[in-house]
C-alpha atoms as a PDB file:
ATOM      1  CA  MET A   1      32.801   3.805  15.410  1.00  0.00           C
ATOM      2  CA  LYS A   2      30.927   0.547  14.908  1.00  0.00           C
ATOM      3  CA  ARG A   3      29.378  -0.264  11.552  1.00  0.00           C
ATOM      4  CA  LYS A   4      25.720  -1.150  11.413  1.00  0.00           C
ATOM      5  CA  ILE A   5      24.927  -4.740  10.592  1.00  0.00           C
ATOM      6  CA  LYS A   6      22.610  -4.668   7.598  1.00  0.00           C
ATOM      7  CA  GLU A   7      19.956  -7.215   6.786  1.00  0.00           C
ATOM      8  CA  PRO A   8      21.396  -9.742   4.310  1.00  0.00           C
ATOM      9  CA  GLY A   9      18.718  -9.236   1.630  1.00  0.00           C
ATOM     10  CA  LEU A  10      19.139  -5.457   1.545  1.00  0.00           C
ATOM     11  CA  LYS A  11      22.550  -5.300  -0.119  1.00  0.00           C
ATOM     12  CA  ARG A  12      22.273  -3.106  -3.215  1.00  0.00           C
ATOM     13  CA  GLU A  13      23.394  -5.409  -6.014  1.00  0.00           C
ATOM     14  CA  ASN A  14      21.087  -4.338  -8.846  1.00  0.00           C
ATOM     15  CA  PRO A  15      22.341  -1.259 -10.691  1.00  0.00           C
ATOM     16  CA  GLN A  16      19.954   0.924 -12.677  1.00  0.00           C
ATOM     17  CA  THR A  17      20.696   3.776 -15.031  1.00  0.00           C
ATOM     18  CA  ILE A  18      18.616   6.928 -15.302  1.00  0.00           C
ATOM     19  CA  ARG A  19      19.050   9.725 -17.814  1.00  0.00           C
ATOM     20  CA  PHE A  20      18.074  13.366 -17.417  1.00  0.00           C
ATOM     21  CA  ASN A  21      17.852  16.154 -19.929  1.00  0.00           C
ATOM     22  CA  SER A  22      19.831  19.342 -19.290  1.00  0.00           C
ATOM     23  CA  ARG A  23      16.955  21.179 -17.604  1.00  0.00           C
ATOM     24  CA  GLU A  24      16.140  18.272 -15.280  1.00  0.00           C
ATOM     25  CA  LEU A  25      19.780  17.890 -14.295  1.00  0.00           C
ATOM     26  CA  SER A  26      20.075  21.619 -13.689  1.00  0.00           C
ATOM     27  CA  ALA A  27      17.027  21.510 -11.394  1.00  0.00           C
ATOM     28  CA  ILE A  28      18.473  18.534  -9.500  1.00  0.00           C
ATOM     29  CA  ASN A  29      21.829  20.272  -9.105  1.00  0.00           C
ATOM     30  CA  GLN A  30      20.187  23.494  -7.909  1.00  0.00           C
ATOM     31  CA  TYR A  31      18.085  21.553  -5.383  1.00  0.00           C
ATOM     32  CA  CYS A  32      21.116  19.655  -4.083  1.00  0.00           C
ATOM     33  CA  GLU A  33      23.116  22.851  -3.733  1.00  0.00           C
ATOM     34  CA  LYS A  34      20.296  24.759  -2.025  1.00  0.00           C
ATOM     35  CA  PHE A  35      19.454  21.974   0.442  1.00  0.00           C
ATOM     36  CA  LYS A  36      23.061  20.792   0.856  1.00  0.00           C
ATOM     37  CA  VAL A  37      22.479  17.273  -0.482  1.00  0.00           C
ATOM     38  CA  THR A  38      25.868  15.588  -0.494  1.00  0.00           C
ATOM     39  CA  ASN A  39      24.809  12.092  -1.579  1.00  0.00           C
ATOM     40  CA  LYS A  40      22.778  12.368  -4.793  1.00  0.00           C
ATOM     41  CA  ALA A  41      22.365   8.608  -5.183  1.00  0.00           C
ATOM     42  CA  LYS A  42      20.820   8.325  -1.727  1.00  0.00           C
ATOM     43  CA  PHE A  43      18.640  11.375  -2.376  1.00  0.00           C
ATOM     44  CA  MET A  44      17.306   9.972  -5.676  1.00  0.00           C
ATOM     45  CA  ARG A  45      16.812   6.494  -4.237  1.00  0.00           C
ATOM     46  CA  GLU A  46      14.816   7.890  -1.305  1.00  0.00           C
ATOM     47  CA  ALA A  47      12.755  10.160  -3.584  1.00  0.00           C
ATOM     48  CA  ILE A  48      11.865   7.260  -5.881  1.00  0.00           C
ATOM     49  CA  ILE A  49      11.012   4.837  -3.068  1.00  0.00           C
ATOM     50  CA  THR A  50       8.981   7.514  -1.247  1.00  0.00           C
ATOM     51  CA  GLU A  51       6.884   8.089  -4.369  1.00  0.00           C
ATOM     52  CA  ILE A  52       6.401   4.347  -4.914  1.00  0.00           C
ATOM     53  CA  LEU A  53       5.303   3.746  -1.313  1.00  0.00           C
ATOM     54  CA  LYS A  54       2.958   6.747  -1.512  1.00  0.00           C
ATOM     55  CA  LYS A  55       1.300   5.301  -4.647  1.00  0.00           C
ATOM     56  CA  PHE A  56       1.009   1.873  -3.005  1.00  0.00           C
ATOM     57  CA  ASP A  57      -0.630   3.490   0.002  1.00  0.00           C
ATOM     58  CA  GLU A  58      -3.093   5.433  -2.176  1.00  0.00           C
ATOM     59  CA  ASN A  59      -4.007   2.359  -4.218  1.00  0.00           C
ATOM     60  CA  TYR A  60      -4.094  -0.249  -1.490  1.00  0.00           C
ATOM     61  CA  PRO A  61      -6.338  -3.186  -2.475  1.00  0.00           C
ATOM     62  CA  THR A  62      -9.605  -3.515  -0.612  1.00  0.00           C
ATOM     63  CA  LEU A  63     -11.731  -6.547   0.187  1.00  0.00           C
ATOM     64  CA  TRP A  64     -13.476  -6.114  -3.168  1.00  0.00           C
ATOM     65  CA  ASP A  65     -10.320  -5.880  -5.284  1.00  0.00           C
ATOM     66  CA  ASP A  66      -9.661  -9.598  -5.793  1.00  0.00           C
ATOM     67  CA  ASP A  67      -7.673  -9.074  -8.978  1.00  0.00           C
ATOM     68  CA  GLN A  68      -5.096  -6.691  -7.456  1.00  0.00           C
ATOM     69  CA  LEU A  69      -1.456  -7.653  -7.813  1.00  0.00           C
ATOM     70  CA  ARG A  70       0.259  -8.150  -4.450  1.00  0.00           C
ATOM     71  CA  LEU A  71       3.820  -6.840  -4.651  1.00  0.00           C
ATOM     72  CA  PHE A  72       4.786  -7.331  -1.007  1.00  0.00           C
END
């Protein structure tokens, strides 16, 4: 099996830590068990990025929003 060649700037080199209370962690564990999530890090990363991109899409600057911060 050949490995995919990744784009050079996409290597994950910036660790982040996130803390959950007992109820949040229980909900995450139940979800992962029910939907057979085997890679929790990937699942959380995709959930976070999906929410961020959704918010960006909802709040996209218009022609009249000159003061909007451009992140991309």
